Amino acid sequence: MFGDYVQIIPIPQTKWKDWNKVHTLYCSRIGKIWKILPDQNNPKDRNEDLIFIEVYFTEGFFEGGAGTYYTFFKKWHIIKKTIYDFQLDNIKADSSKELQDFESLFKKKRDEIFKKIFNGTK
C-alpha cells in the first residue's frame, strides 16, 4: 500500500472525530501514500491504521504557496488510483491555471482598448 496513488473521498466525513477543515480541503484530491502508522487507540486493528497522504496543491494551501502537503486519513477515506490518474489531475490543474492567467491578461487588454476607445485617448 505504501507509495500507492489514492484519491481522497469527495464528501467530507464530519462524523469522524478527527475530521477537520484541513481534511475537507483534501476531498477529491489525488495523492500518494507516504506513511502508515498504527492507531494509538487500537494498534492491533489494521483497519484503524492512520494513512498519511501527500498531495500537491498547485494553487497553494491556506497561506502556504504551491507545494506538497501531508495529512492523515483512515482506510475508508481513500480510493486506490493509478499513476495515470495522478498525472492527469496535475495536467488539468496546470492547464486550468494557465487558462486563468490568459483570461486575466485578455480582460486587462480588452479593458485598456475600451478605455482608449471610449475616453478618446490615443
Protein backbone atom coordinates (compact mmCIF):
# COMPACT_ATOMS: atom_id res chain seq x y z
CA MET A 1 0.00 0.00 0.00
CA PHE A 2 2.91 2.38 0.72
CA GLY A 3 3.62 4.50 -2.36
CA ASP A 4 0.24 3.77 -3.98
CA TYR A 5 -1.73 6.59 -5.54
CA VAL A 6 -5.10 7.24 -3.94
CA GLN A 7 -7.95 9.69 -4.16
CA ILE A 8 -9.50 11.14 -1.04
CA ILE A 9 -13.25 10.66 -0.85
CA PRO A 10 -15.24 13.54 -2.40
CA ILE A 11 -17.63 14.12 0.52
CA PRO A 12 -16.35 15.23 3.95
CA GLN A 13 -16.77 12.62 6.71
CA THR A 14 -17.54 15.05 9.51
CA LYS A 15 -18.81 12.24 11.76
CA TRP A 16 -15.22 11.04 12.19
CA LYS A 17 -13.91 12.67 15.38
CA ASP A 18 -10.58 13.70 13.80
CA TRP A 19 -12.08 15.26 10.66
CA ASN A 20 -11.42 19.00 10.33
CA LYS A 21 -11.36 21.73 7.67
CA VAL A 22 -7.91 20.64 6.50
CA HIS A 23 -9.29 17.19 5.65
CA THR A 24 -12.14 18.85 3.74
CA LEU A 25 -9.64 20.71 1.53
CA TYR A 26 -8.15 17.35 0.54
CA CYS A 27 -11.52 15.94 -0.63
CA SER A 28 -11.40 14.59 -4.22
CA ARG A 29 -7.64 15.20 -4.44
CA ILE A 30 -5.27 12.55 -5.71
CA GLY A 31 -2.10 11.90 -3.76
CA LYS A 32 0.38 9.25 -2.74
CA ILE A 33 0.52 7.18 0.44
CA TRP A 34 3.53 8.49 2.31
CA LYS A 35 3.41 6.63 5.62
CA ILE A 36 1.17 4.19 7.52
CA LEU A 37 1.10 4.17 11.31
CA PRO A 38 -0.97 2.06 13.72
CA ASP A 39 -3.72 3.94 15.51
CA GLN A 40 -2.57 4.51 19.12
CA ASN A 41 -6.07 3.78 20.42
CA ASN A 42 -6.35 0.46 18.58
CA PRO A 43 -2.86 -0.71 17.43
CA LYS A 44 -3.88 -4.33 16.74
CA ASP A 45 -6.66 -3.50 14.25
CA ARG A 46 -5.01 -2.81 10.85
CA ASN A 47 -8.29 -1.24 9.58
CA GLU A 48 -7.73 1.55 12.10
CA ASP A 49 -4.26 2.50 10.80
CA LEU A 50 -3.55 6.16 10.13
CA ILE A 51 -2.62 6.58 6.46
CA PHE A 52 -0.59 9.71 5.72
CA ILE A 53 -1.19 11.09 2.23
CA GLU A 54 0.97 13.59 0.34
CA VAL A 55 -0.91 15.83 -2.07
CA TYR A 56 0.49 18.53 -4.35
CA PHE A 57 -1.57 21.73 -4.32
CA THR A 58 -0.84 23.84 -7.43
CA GLU A 59 -2.90 26.76 -6.15
CA GLY A 60 -1.42 26.77 -2.66
CA PHE A 61 -2.84 25.66 0.66
CA PHE A 62 -4.15 28.18 3.20
CA GLU A 63 -1.38 30.81 3.49
CA GLY A 64 1.24 28.46 2.04
CA GLY A 65 2.19 28.56 -1.60
CA ALA A 66 2.03 25.78 -4.14
CA GLY A 67 3.68 22.61 -2.92
CA THR A 68 3.30 19.19 -1.34
CA TYR A 69 1.27 18.94 1.85
CA TYR A 70 0.54 15.98 4.14
CA THR A 71 -2.29 14.85 6.37
CA PHE A 72 -3.71 11.57 7.65
CA PHE A 73 -6.85 9.60 6.85
CA LYS A 74 -8.33 6.20 7.64
CA LYS A 75 -8.56 3.37 5.13
CA TRP A 76 -12.24 4.11 4.39
CA HIS A 77 -11.42 7.70 3.35
CA ILE A 78 -9.33 6.77 0.31
CA ILE A 79 -9.89 5.17 -3.11
CA LYS A 80 -6.99 3.47 -4.91
CA LYS A 81 -5.95 5.19 -8.17
CA THR A 82 -3.24 4.80 -10.79
CA ILE A 83 -0.24 6.98 -11.64
CA TYR A 84 -2.15 7.99 -14.79
CA ASP A 85 -4.97 9.46 -12.68
CA PHE A 86 -2.41 11.40 -10.65
CA GLN A 87 -0.64 12.79 -13.72
CA LEU A 88 -3.93 13.67 -15.42
CA ASP A 89 -5.08 15.53 -12.31
CA ASN A 90 -1.86 17.58 -12.28
CA ILE A 91 -2.10 18.33 -16.02
CA LYS A 92 -5.70 19.52 -15.58
CA ALA A 93 -4.72 21.76 -12.66
CA ASP A 94 -1.77 23.26 -14.56
CA SER A 95 -3.89 23.83 -17.68
CA SER A 96 -6.60 25.47 -15.61
CA LYS A 97 -4.06 27.83 -14.05
CA GLU A 98 -2.65 28.74 -17.48
CA LEU A 99 -6.15 29.40 -18.80
CA GLN A 100 -6.98 31.65 -15.84
CA ASP A 101 -3.76 33.61 -16.37
CA PHE A 102 -4.56 34.02 -20.08
CA GLU A 103 -8.14 35.12 -19.35
CA SER A 104 -6.86 37.67 -16.83
CA LEU A 105 -4.43 39.10 -19.39
CA PHE A 106 -7.16 39.11 -22.07
CA LYS A 107 -9.56 41.02 -19.81
CA LYS A 108 -6.87 43.55 -18.91
CA LYS A 109 -6.02 44.20 -22.58
CA ARG A 110 -9.72 44.39 -23.52
CA ASP A 111 -10.34 46.95 -20.78
CA GLU A 112 -7.37 49.01 -21.98
CA ILE A 113 -8.78 49.02 -25.54
CA PHE A 114 -12.26 50.04 -24.33
CA LYS A 115 -10.74 52.77 -22.20
CA LYS A 116 -8.88 54.17 -25.23
CA ILE A 117 -11.98 53.97 -27.43
CA PHE A 118 -14.49 55.47 -25.02
CA ASN A 119 -12.19 58.05 -23.43
CA GLY A 120 -10.95 59.23 -26.82
CA THR A 121 -7.30 58.76 -25.91
CA LYS A 122 -4.64 57.60 -28.33
